[in-house]
Amino acid sequence: MIQPQWMILPLAGLAEVGWASGLKHADSVPTWAMTVALAVVSLWLASIAVRTMPTSTVYTVFVGLGAVGTAIADWLFFGVAFHWPVLAFIVLLLVGVIGLQQVND
């Protein structure tokens, strides 16, 4: 069974993708406000997870999900060209994140 803190981290990662994308694409007060709000939410959710998990695991998973999600968002929504080596490194990153989860349970 998945522990609750492992359900919080994907939400934190999703908020991370939102504010990282916002840094590049925000061009008005409302979009900048949303970018800042997503940054606060992502860190708040990560701070909840770190209360019950090792800090190194939370940070690695949090940043890993943010990096993977941002790369995927770039491909799908922002017209960045897809490259197979980037996908290979994303898979490698995900394998490491899953490995951390397995080791620390």
Protein backbone atom coordinates (compact mmCIF):
# COMPACT_ATOMS: atom_id res chain seq x y z
CA MET A 1 0.00 0.00 0.00
CA ILE A 2 1.23 3.49 -0.84
CA GLN A 3 1.98 5.60 2.21
CA PRO A 4 0.27 9.04 2.38
CA GLN A 5 3.52 11.00 2.08
CA TRP A 6 4.16 9.31 -1.26
CA MET A 7 0.83 10.65 -2.47
CA ILE A 8 1.77 14.21 -1.47
CA LEU A 9 5.02 14.29 -3.43
CA PRO A 10 3.47 13.95 -6.92
CA LEU A 11 1.21 16.91 -6.09
CA ALA A 12 4.26 18.88 -4.99
CA GLY A 13 6.00 17.87 -8.22
CA LEU A 14 3.02 18.98 -10.29
CA ALA A 15 3.01 22.37 -8.57
CA GLU A 16 6.78 22.51 -9.21
CA VAL A 17 6.17 22.03 -12.94
CA GLY A 18 3.57 24.79 -12.85
CA TRP A 19 5.77 27.41 -11.29
CA ALA A 20 8.87 26.40 -13.30
CA SER A 21 6.85 26.81 -16.50
CA GLY A 22 5.43 30.04 -15.17
CA LEU A 23 8.89 31.53 -14.78
CA LYS A 24 9.31 31.40 -18.53
CA HIS A 25 5.79 32.13 -19.68
CA ALA A 26 4.28 34.53 -17.14
CA ASP A 27 3.69 37.93 -18.72
CA SER A 28 0.97 39.57 -16.63
CA VAL A 29 0.13 40.16 -13.00
CA PRO A 30 -2.33 37.22 -12.84
CA THR A 31 0.11 34.76 -14.40
CA TRP A 32 2.92 35.95 -12.13
CA ALA A 33 0.59 35.62 -9.13
CA MET A 34 -0.22 32.04 -10.17
CA THR A 35 3.49 31.30 -10.59
CA VAL A 36 4.25 32.56 -7.07
CA ALA A 37 1.25 30.69 -5.63
CA LEU A 38 2.39 27.43 -7.24
CA ALA A 39 5.91 27.93 -5.87
CA VAL A 40 4.49 28.35 -2.36
CA VAL A 41 2.20 25.32 -2.74
CA SER A 42 5.02 23.12 -4.06
CA LEU A 43 7.30 23.97 -1.14
CA TRP A 44 4.48 23.65 1.38
CA LEU A 45 3.59 20.16 0.12
CA ALA A 46 7.26 19.13 0.15
CA SER A 47 7.54 20.41 3.74
CA ILE A 48 4.63 18.18 4.74
CA ALA A 49 6.28 15.13 3.18
CA VAL A 50 9.66 15.84 4.82
CA ARG A 51 8.09 15.56 8.27
CA THR A 52 7.70 11.79 7.84
CA MET A 53 10.38 10.93 5.26
CA PRO A 54 14.14 11.43 4.97
CA THR A 55 14.97 14.91 3.68
CA SER A 56 17.30 13.54 1.02
CA THR A 57 14.56 11.30 -0.37
CA VAL A 58 11.94 14.04 -0.42
CA TYR A 59 14.26 16.50 -2.09
CA THR A 60 15.46 14.01 -4.71
CA VAL A 61 11.94 12.88 -5.59
CA PHE A 62 10.59 16.44 -5.53
CA VAL A 63 13.27 17.82 -7.84
CA GLY A 64 13.22 14.70 -10.03
CA LEU A 65 9.47 14.90 -10.58
CA GLY A 66 9.77 18.60 -11.27
CA ALA A 67 12.52 18.06 -13.84
CA VAL A 68 10.68 15.22 -15.58
CA GLY A 69 7.37 17.05 -15.55
CA THR A 70 8.91 20.26 -16.85
CA ALA A 71 10.62 18.44 -19.72
CA ILE A 72 7.34 16.73 -20.65
CA ALA A 73 5.41 20.01 -20.39
CA ASP A 74 7.99 21.66 -22.66
CA TRP A 75 7.46 18.94 -25.28
CA LEU A 76 3.69 18.83 -25.06
CA PHE A 77 2.71 22.44 -24.48
CA PHE A 78 5.58 24.78 -25.33
CA GLY A 79 6.97 23.50 -28.63
CA VAL A 80 10.38 22.33 -27.41
CA ALA A 81 11.84 19.71 -29.74
CA PHE A 82 11.82 16.10 -28.54
CA HIS A 83 15.21 14.33 -28.35
CA TRP A 84 15.64 10.64 -27.57
CA PRO A 85 18.70 11.14 -25.32
CA VAL A 86 16.65 13.47 -23.11
CA LEU A 87 13.98 10.78 -22.79
CA ALA A 88 16.66 8.21 -21.91
CA PHE A 89 17.96 10.41 -19.08
CA ILE A 90 14.43 11.03 -17.84
CA VAL A 91 13.88 7.27 -17.66
CA LEU A 92 17.18 6.93 -15.78
CA LEU A 93 16.06 9.64 -13.36
CA LEU A 94 12.72 7.89 -12.78
CA VAL A 95 14.48 4.58 -12.14
CA GLY A 96 16.56 6.33 -9.47
CA VAL A 97 13.51 7.93 -7.88
CA ILE A 98 11.66 4.60 -7.78
CA GLY A 99 14.78 2.95 -6.36
CA LEU A 100 14.91 5.51 -3.56
CA GLN A 101 11.29 4.86 -2.73
CA GLN A 102 11.90 1.10 -2.57
CA VAL A 103 14.99 1.43 -0.38
CA ASN A 104 13.43 3.85 2.10
CA ASP A 105 10.13 2.02 2.69
